[in-house]
Protein backbone atom coordinates (compact mmCIF):
# COMPACT_ATOMS: atom_id res chain seq x y z
CA MET A 1 -5.65 9.93 2.43
CA THR A 2 -8.76 11.16 0.67
CA ALA A 3 -9.41 13.09 -2.52
CA ALA A 4 -11.01 15.97 -0.57
CA PRO A 5 -9.41 19.44 -0.73
CA VAL A 6 -6.57 20.08 1.69
CA GLU A 7 -6.22 23.11 3.90
CA PRO A 8 -3.14 23.90 5.98
CA PRO A 9 -3.72 23.88 9.75
CA SER A 10 -3.95 27.47 10.94
CA GLY A 11 -2.09 29.00 13.85
CA ARG A 12 0.36 26.16 14.49
CA THR A 13 4.09 26.58 14.43
CA PHE A 14 6.60 24.37 12.65
CA GLU A 15 7.66 22.76 15.93
CA GLU A 16 4.04 22.10 16.96
CA LEU A 17 3.24 20.44 13.63
CA ILE A 18 6.34 18.27 13.85
CA ALA A 19 5.70 17.23 17.45
CA GLU A 20 2.08 16.30 16.73
CA ALA A 21 3.01 14.11 13.73
CA ALA A 22 5.95 12.50 15.52
CA ALA A 23 3.64 11.37 18.35
CA ALA A 24 0.86 9.99 16.12
CA ASP A 25 0.22 6.24 15.92
CA VAL A 26 1.31 4.91 12.50
CA ASP A 27 0.43 1.20 12.84
CA GLY A 28 -1.68 -0.31 10.06
CA TRP A 29 -2.72 1.26 6.75
CA ASP A 30 -5.43 3.62 7.92
CA PHE A 31 -4.50 7.07 6.63
CA SER A 32 -7.48 8.95 8.10
CA TRP A 33 -5.10 11.01 10.29
CA LEU A 34 -4.23 12.84 7.07
CA ASP A 35 -7.82 13.76 6.15
CA GLY A 36 -7.91 17.43 5.21
CA ARG A 37 -4.11 17.64 5.31
CA ALA A 38 -3.04 15.42 2.41
CA THR A 39 -4.67 13.92 -0.67
CA GLU A 40 -3.87 11.11 -3.07
CA GLN A 41 -5.61 10.75 -6.40
CA ARG A 42 -7.25 7.33 -6.78
CA PRO A 43 -6.48 4.97 -9.68
CA SER A 44 -9.16 4.77 -12.33
CA TRP A 45 -9.65 1.00 -12.01
CA GLY A 46 -11.28 1.09 -8.54
CA TYR A 47 -9.37 -1.56 -6.59
CA LEU A 48 -11.87 -2.05 -3.74
CA ARG A 49 -14.85 -2.26 -6.08
CA ARG A 50 -13.25 -4.82 -8.38
CA MET A 51 -11.79 -6.82 -5.51
CA SER A 52 -15.22 -6.92 -3.83
CA GLU A 53 -16.76 -8.29 -7.02
CA LEU A 54 -14.17 -11.07 -7.16
CA MET A 55 -14.61 -11.87 -3.45
CA ALA A 56 -18.38 -12.20 -3.86
CA SER A 57 -17.92 -15.12 -6.29
CA ALA A 58 -14.86 -16.76 -4.69
CA ARG A 59 -14.96 -19.86 -2.49
CA VAL A 60 -11.57 -19.77 -0.74
CA ALA A 61 -9.60 -16.50 -0.80
CA VAL A 62 -6.57 -14.91 0.83
CA ASP A 63 -5.42 -11.30 1.18
CA VAL A 64 -1.60 -11.41 1.12
CA GLN A 65 0.25 -8.75 3.16
CA THR A 66 -3.04 -7.36 4.46
CA GLY A 67 -1.43 -4.66 6.63
CA GLY A 68 -3.90 -3.91 9.40
CA GLY A 69 -6.73 -5.51 7.44
CA GLU A 70 -8.38 -2.16 6.76
CA VAL A 71 -9.06 -2.72 3.05
CA LEU A 72 -10.28 -6.30 3.38
CA ALA A 73 -12.63 -5.21 6.17
CA GLU A 74 -14.43 -2.93 3.70
CA VAL A 75 -15.45 -5.79 1.41
CA PRO A 76 -19.25 -6.20 1.66
CA ARG A 77 -19.25 -9.96 1.05
CA LEU A 78 -16.17 -12.04 1.75
CA ALA A 79 -15.54 -15.50 0.34
CA PRO A 80 -17.01 -18.24 2.58
CA THR A 81 -13.46 -19.14 3.61
CA THR A 82 -11.16 -16.12 3.76
CA TYR A 83 -7.62 -15.85 5.07
CA ALA A 84 -5.23 -12.93 5.43
CA THR A 85 -1.46 -12.93 5.91
CA GLU A 86 0.79 -10.34 7.55
CA GLY A 87 4.37 -10.40 8.76
CA TRP A 88 4.95 -7.19 10.72
CA PRO A 89 3.94 -7.79 14.37
CA PRO A 90 2.13 -4.46 15.01
CA ASN A 91 0.10 -4.88 11.82
CA LEU A 92 -0.49 -8.56 12.54
CA ALA A 93 -2.05 -7.73 15.90
CA LEU A 94 -4.16 -4.97 14.34
CA ALA A 95 -5.30 -7.23 11.50
CA ARG A 96 -6.43 -9.89 13.97
CA ARG A 97 -8.45 -7.32 15.94
CA THR A 98 -9.98 -6.00 12.73
CA LEU A 99 -10.61 -9.18 10.75
CA GLN A 100 -11.20 -12.05 13.15
CA PRO A 101 -14.65 -10.69 14.16
CA LEU A 102 -15.51 -10.87 10.44
CA GLY A 103 -14.61 -14.56 10.28
CA VAL A 104 -11.24 -14.04 8.58
CA ALA A 105 -8.36 -16.28 9.73
CA VAL A 106 -5.26 -14.08 10.03
CA VAL A 107 -2.00 -16.01 9.60
CA GLU A 108 1.53 -14.80 10.28
CA ALA A 109 3.74 -14.97 7.18
CA ALA A 110 6.92 -13.10 6.31
CA GLU A 111 6.54 -10.96 3.20
CA ASP A 112 9.63 -12.51 1.61
CA GLY A 113 8.99 -16.10 2.72
CA PRO A 114 6.75 -19.03 1.76
CA LEU A 115 3.01 -18.79 2.16
CA PRO A 116 1.85 -21.18 4.92
CA PHE A 117 -0.78 -22.94 2.82
CA PRO A 118 -0.92 -26.22 0.86
CA ASP A 119 -0.65 -26.26 -2.92
CA GLU A 120 -3.74 -25.17 -4.87
CA THR A 121 -5.64 -23.85 -1.84
CA PHE A 122 -7.22 -20.68 -3.24
CA ASP A 123 -9.39 -19.71 -6.15
CA LEU A 124 -8.63 -16.03 -5.38
CA VAL A 125 -5.49 -14.31 -4.11
CA VAL A 126 -5.61 -10.53 -3.60
CA SER A 127 -2.92 -8.12 -2.44
CA ARG A 128 -2.88 -4.34 -2.17
CA HIS A 129 0.55 -2.69 -2.14
CA PRO A 130 2.66 -5.79 -1.38
CA ASN A 131 6.25 -5.01 -0.44
CA VAL A 132 7.48 -8.26 -2.01
CA VAL A 133 5.72 -10.25 -4.74
CA GLY A 134 6.61 -13.95 -4.62
CA TRP A 135 5.23 -15.04 -7.97
CA GLY A 136 6.23 -18.67 -7.51
CA GLU A 137 4.42 -18.91 -4.18
CA LEU A 138 1.35 -17.19 -5.60
CA ALA A 139 1.23 -19.67 -8.46
CA ARG A 140 1.71 -22.58 -6.06
CA VAL A 141 -1.23 -21.72 -3.77
CA LEU A 142 -3.63 -20.85 -6.59
CA GLN A 143 -6.00 -23.51 -7.84
CA PRO A 144 -6.10 -24.16 -11.59
CA GLY A 145 -8.25 -21.36 -12.96
CA GLY A 146 -7.66 -19.28 -9.81
CA VAL A 147 -7.20 -15.50 -10.05
CA TYR A 148 -4.49 -13.19 -8.71
CA PHE A 149 -5.68 -9.59 -8.29
CA SER A 150 -3.29 -6.93 -7.02
CA GLN A 151 -2.68 -3.20 -6.88
CA GLN A 152 1.06 -2.59 -6.59
CA ILE A 153 3.38 0.36 -6.09
CA GLY A 154 5.10 1.32 -9.32
CA PRO A 155 8.71 2.41 -9.88
CA GLY A 156 9.81 5.73 -8.41
CA SER A 157 6.59 6.24 -6.45
CA ASN A 158 6.62 9.62 -4.69
CA ARG A 159 10.10 10.29 -6.02
CA GLU A 160 9.62 14.05 -5.58
CA LEU A 161 9.14 13.53 -1.85
CA THR A 162 12.02 11.04 -1.54
CA GLU A 163 14.42 13.24 -3.48
CA PHE A 164 13.54 16.35 -1.46
CA PHE A 165 15.10 14.53 1.51
CA LEU A 166 17.71 12.29 -0.12
CA GLY A 167 18.63 13.99 -3.39
CA PRO A 168 18.57 12.28 -6.81
CA GLN A 169 17.97 8.54 -6.66
CA SER A 170 18.19 5.63 -9.07
CA TYR A 171 15.18 3.36 -9.33
CA GLY A 172 15.51 -0.30 -10.23
CA PRO A 173 13.16 -2.42 -12.34
CA GLU A 174 11.73 -4.40 -9.40
CA ARG A 175 8.26 -2.83 -9.66
CA ASP A 176 8.28 -2.12 -13.37
CA PRO A 177 5.28 -3.37 -15.42
CA ALA A 178 7.63 -5.17 -17.81
CA THR A 179 9.24 -6.98 -14.86
CA ALA A 180 5.85 -8.04 -13.50
CA ARG A 181 4.82 -9.31 -16.93
CA ARG A 182 8.01 -11.36 -17.28
CA GLU A 183 8.08 -12.78 -13.74
CA LEU A 184 4.46 -13.84 -13.55
CA ALA A 185 4.81 -15.62 -16.90
CA ALA A 186 7.93 -17.39 -15.61
CA ALA A 187 5.88 -18.60 -12.62
CA GLY A 188 3.32 -20.14 -14.97
CA LEU A 189 0.61 -17.48 -14.63
CA VAL A 190 -1.30 -15.91 -17.51
CA LEU A 191 -1.64 -12.12 -17.57
CA ASP A 192 -5.21 -10.81 -17.94
CA ASP A 193 -4.79 -7.09 -17.24
CA LEU A 194 -1.86 -4.76 -16.55
CA GLN A 195 -2.31 -1.01 -16.08
CA ALA A 196 -0.10 1.73 -14.66
CA GLU A 197 -0.98 5.27 -13.58
CA SER A 198 0.78 8.29 -12.06
CA LEU A 199 -1.37 9.93 -9.39
CA LEU A 200 -1.07 13.37 -7.80
CA VAL A 201 -0.30 13.47 -4.06
CA THR A 202 -0.47 16.74 -2.11
CA PHE A 203 0.65 17.68 1.41
CA ALA A 204 -0.78 20.81 3.04
CA ASP A 205 1.58 21.00 6.03
CA VAL A 206 4.89 19.59 7.19
CA GLY A 207 3.20 17.49 9.86
CA ALA A 208 1.38 15.57 7.14
CA VAL A 209 4.76 14.93 5.49
CA VAL A 210 6.25 13.61 8.75
CA TYR A 211 3.29 11.32 9.37
CA PHE A 212 3.39 9.94 5.81
CA ILE A 213 7.13 9.21 5.91
CA ARG A 214 6.85 7.55 9.32
CA LYS A 215 4.10 5.30 7.96
CA VAL A 216 5.48 4.67 4.46
CA ILE A 217 8.97 3.92 5.69
CA TRP A 218 10.52 3.15 2.29
CA ALA A 219 9.95 6.76 1.15
CA VAL A 220 12.88 7.92 3.34
CA PRO A 221 14.26 4.72 4.93
CA ASP A 222 16.54 6.36 7.51
CA PHE A 223 14.07 9.05 8.53
CA THR A 224 13.97 10.58 11.99
CA VAL A 225 12.72 14.04 12.87
CA GLU A 226 16.05 14.86 14.49
CA LYS A 227 18.18 13.77 11.54
CA TYR A 228 16.10 15.66 9.00
CA HIS A 229 15.15 18.69 11.09
CA ASP A 230 16.70 21.20 8.69
CA THR A 231 15.17 19.50 5.63
CA LEU A 232 11.78 19.49 7.33
CA LEU A 233 12.16 23.20 8.00
CA ALA A 234 12.89 23.71 4.30
CA MET A 235 9.79 21.65 3.49
CA HIS A 236 7.73 23.80 5.87
CA GLU A 237 8.99 26.95 4.18
CA HIS A 238 8.21 25.49 0.73
CA ILE A 239 4.62 24.76 1.79
CA GLN A 240 4.28 28.21 3.34
CA ARG A 241 5.30 29.76 0.01
CA HIS A 242 3.38 27.49 -2.37
CA GLY A 243 0.44 26.33 -0.27
CA ARG A 244 1.31 22.65 -0.61
CA PHE A 245 3.97 20.13 -1.63
CA GLU A 246 3.21 17.95 -4.65
CA SER A 247 4.42 14.46 -5.40
CA HIS A 248 3.23 11.61 -7.62
CA ALA A 249 2.37 8.06 -6.55
CA GLN A 250 2.91 5.30 -9.10
CA ARG A 251 0.33 2.52 -9.08
CA MET A 252 0.05 -0.67 -11.09
CA LEU A 253 -2.88 -3.06 -11.47
CA VAL A 254 -1.99 -6.71 -12.10
CA VAL A 255 -4.63 -9.35 -12.84
CA ALA A 256 -3.54 -12.87 -13.76
CA HIS A 257 -4.79 -16.44 -13.53
CA LYS A 258 -3.40 -19.93 -13.24
CA PRO A 259 -4.18 -22.02 -16.31
CA ALA A 260 -6.89 -24.61 -15.77
């Protein structure tokens, strides 16, 4: 999803838009299918730029829950020894195709399990949008003085979209900045930077909504086109009236280090 203006596809019916999005490949974290049809405002801290700067000076680094490896592949200069982990088989296969030609060793690891590395392996651990943050494991694999750098999804991200389909929801503290601050300290890490921002997301057609929900499965966990056909039709009519559907992504930057 880019920051470029969106424009609804012209001349396509509701059913055509739905069918196209339902058939699209949603493996990995490449959102280019949505170019021109959806936008997401970018956080002010510039994750890729700052991560690239850290990678350029690191010796041994790992990208935890790399997805399809798309973000790591954009880094101009990787650490001399760079690993990536991923647990979902389709993304694991995609990450290996994307990253192994760049010299990155891609290792299978469940998002909620132990990291398959010895203690104090890395001087840099990065992670963009991890589903689960295992602070104890992160602290274990970091070398003394090593840095953890992560952009995470904040509480109630895209709640407007979720609640359009599911109605009012309650949101727990799992991704709250205060929770991150407390849990990383409990794991023995020292917080260096913590920022949170709410970012505008727009969808220009109902097909873009379907594609996004199929890819970001926690937005509407039980989603199928058939089950939510009537809600999708209501979404289509909303976009026809207003020109777009607006939501807000919550993002959080966490930078910490392991004491030397």
